[in-house]
Amino acid sequence: MELAFESQSLRAICEDEDRARQELDPDVAEMLKHRLADLRAAKTPKDLLAGHPRVDESGSWMIVDLSGDSRIVFKANHVKNPIGENGELDWSRVNRIKILRIEGGHAK
């Protein structure tokens, strides 16, 4: 998948291991590295296995667990997101995502 980021600071944390270790709990920083590799390697979010990937109640976001109660939240990031016959986002056809935030008790 192709990844984008909600902010430059979030991009810096996700793309720089040293920065991630400075700003996040060490376990969260390590798991973030693995989950980002999983995201980049997957063709769609539906291909993800690790991190208990799930769609939120609204169907707009996906959540992937990191460590403890920390998680990555992302959304589809197509110019025109793929919509299924049911009128909802078809996550099996999403190949561009935007990481919105890392949430939970992850700060040092």
Protein backbone atom coordinates (compact mmCIF):
# COMPACT_ATOMS: atom_id res chain seq x y z
CA MET A 1 0.00 0.00 0.00
CA GLU A 2 0.96 3.59 -0.46
CA LEU A 3 1.14 5.53 2.81
CA ALA A 4 0.52 9.22 3.48
CA PHE A 5 0.46 11.01 6.82
CA GLU A 6 -1.89 13.53 8.44
CA SER A 7 1.00 15.77 9.53
CA GLN A 8 4.73 16.26 9.07
CA SER A 9 5.38 15.46 12.73
CA LEU A 10 3.51 12.15 12.38
CA ARG A 11 5.49 11.40 9.21
CA ALA A 12 8.73 12.09 11.09
CA ILE A 13 7.79 9.68 13.89
CA CYS A 14 6.81 6.99 11.39
CA GLU A 15 9.81 7.36 9.10
CA ASP A 16 12.60 7.99 11.63
CA GLU A 17 13.22 5.21 14.17
CA ASP A 18 15.29 7.49 16.41
CA ARG A 19 12.50 10.06 16.52
CA ALA A 20 9.95 7.34 17.28
CA ARG A 21 12.09 6.08 20.18
CA GLN A 22 12.39 9.64 21.51
CA GLU A 23 8.66 10.37 21.41
CA LEU A 24 7.07 6.98 22.06
CA ASP A 25 7.35 4.21 24.60
CA PRO A 26 10.13 1.82 23.40
CA ASP A 27 7.70 -1.10 22.92
CA VAL A 28 5.32 1.10 20.91
CA ALA A 29 8.16 2.46 18.75
CA GLU A 30 9.36 -1.07 17.97
CA MET A 31 5.87 -2.32 17.14
CA LEU A 32 5.22 0.79 15.02
CA LYS A 33 8.20 -0.13 12.86
CA HIS A 34 6.78 -3.63 12.30
CA ARG A 35 3.22 -2.48 11.63
CA LEU A 36 4.38 0.14 9.11
CA ALA A 37 6.35 -2.58 7.29
CA ASP A 38 3.19 -4.73 7.30
CA LEU A 39 1.16 -1.84 5.86
CA ARG A 40 3.70 -1.17 3.11
CA ALA A 41 3.88 -4.85 2.19
CA ALA A 42 0.10 -5.40 2.08
CA LYS A 43 -1.85 -4.87 -1.12
CA THR A 44 -4.95 -3.76 0.82
CA PRO A 45 -5.84 -3.30 4.51
CA LYS A 46 -7.83 -6.54 4.28
CA ASP A 47 -4.50 -8.38 3.78
CA LEU A 48 -3.29 -7.36 7.24
CA LEU A 49 -3.12 -10.10 9.84
CA ALA A 50 -1.07 -8.75 12.75
CA GLY A 51 -2.31 -6.09 15.14
CA HIS A 52 -5.97 -7.11 15.19
CA PRO A 53 -6.94 -4.87 12.22
CA ARG A 54 -10.53 -3.70 12.33
CA VAL A 55 -12.85 -1.11 10.85
CA ASP A 56 -14.40 1.42 13.25
CA GLU A 57 -18.16 1.57 13.77
CA SER A 58 -18.63 4.23 11.08
CA GLY A 59 -16.69 2.21 8.49
CA SER A 60 -14.50 5.27 7.78
CA TRP A 61 -11.30 4.30 9.58
CA MET A 62 -9.23 1.24 10.28
CA ILE A 63 -7.42 0.61 13.53
CA VAL A 64 -4.35 -1.58 14.02
CA ASP A 65 -2.99 -2.32 17.50
CA LEU A 66 0.61 -1.60 18.39
CA SER A 67 1.53 -2.37 22.01
CA GLY A 68 -0.59 -2.17 25.13
CA ASP A 69 -3.45 0.22 24.40
CA SER A 70 -1.61 2.05 21.59
CA ARG A 71 -2.85 1.83 18.03
CA ILE A 72 -2.56 3.33 14.54
CA VAL A 73 -5.67 4.89 13.03
CA PHE A 74 -5.86 5.40 9.26
CA LYS A 75 -8.35 6.06 6.48
CA ALA A 76 -8.56 5.36 2.76
CA ASN A 77 -6.74 8.02 0.77
CA HIS A 78 -7.89 7.73 -2.83
CA VAL A 79 -9.09 10.72 -4.85
CA LYS A 80 -12.30 8.70 -5.17
CA ASN A 81 -12.43 5.98 -2.54
CA PRO A 82 -13.73 2.59 -3.75
CA ILE A 83 -17.33 2.05 -2.76
CA GLY A 84 -18.91 -1.41 -2.71
CA GLU A 85 -22.36 -2.41 -3.90
CA ASN A 86 -23.67 -1.79 -0.38
CA GLY A 87 -22.67 1.88 -0.63
CA GLU A 88 -19.90 1.55 1.96
CA LEU A 89 -16.14 1.88 1.57
CA ASP A 90 -14.71 -1.32 0.07
CA TRP A 91 -11.55 -1.87 2.13
CA SER A 92 -10.58 -4.83 -0.07
CA ARG A 93 -9.95 -2.37 -2.94
CA VAL A 94 -8.10 0.31 -0.94
CA ASN A 95 -4.39 0.56 -1.74
CA ARG A 96 -3.71 4.14 -0.60
CA ILE A 97 -4.08 5.09 3.05
CA LYS A 98 -3.48 8.13 5.22
CA ILE A 99 -2.27 7.53 8.75
CA LEU A 100 -4.23 9.92 10.93
CA ARG A 101 -2.74 9.35 14.36
CA ILE A 102 -1.09 7.08 16.86
CA GLU A 103 -3.35 6.97 19.89
CA GLY A 104 -3.39 5.43 23.33
CA GLY A 105 -0.99 5.52 26.26
CA HIS A 106 2.13 5.59 24.12
CA ALA A 107 4.00 8.65 25.38
CA LYS A 108 7.15 8.27 27.43
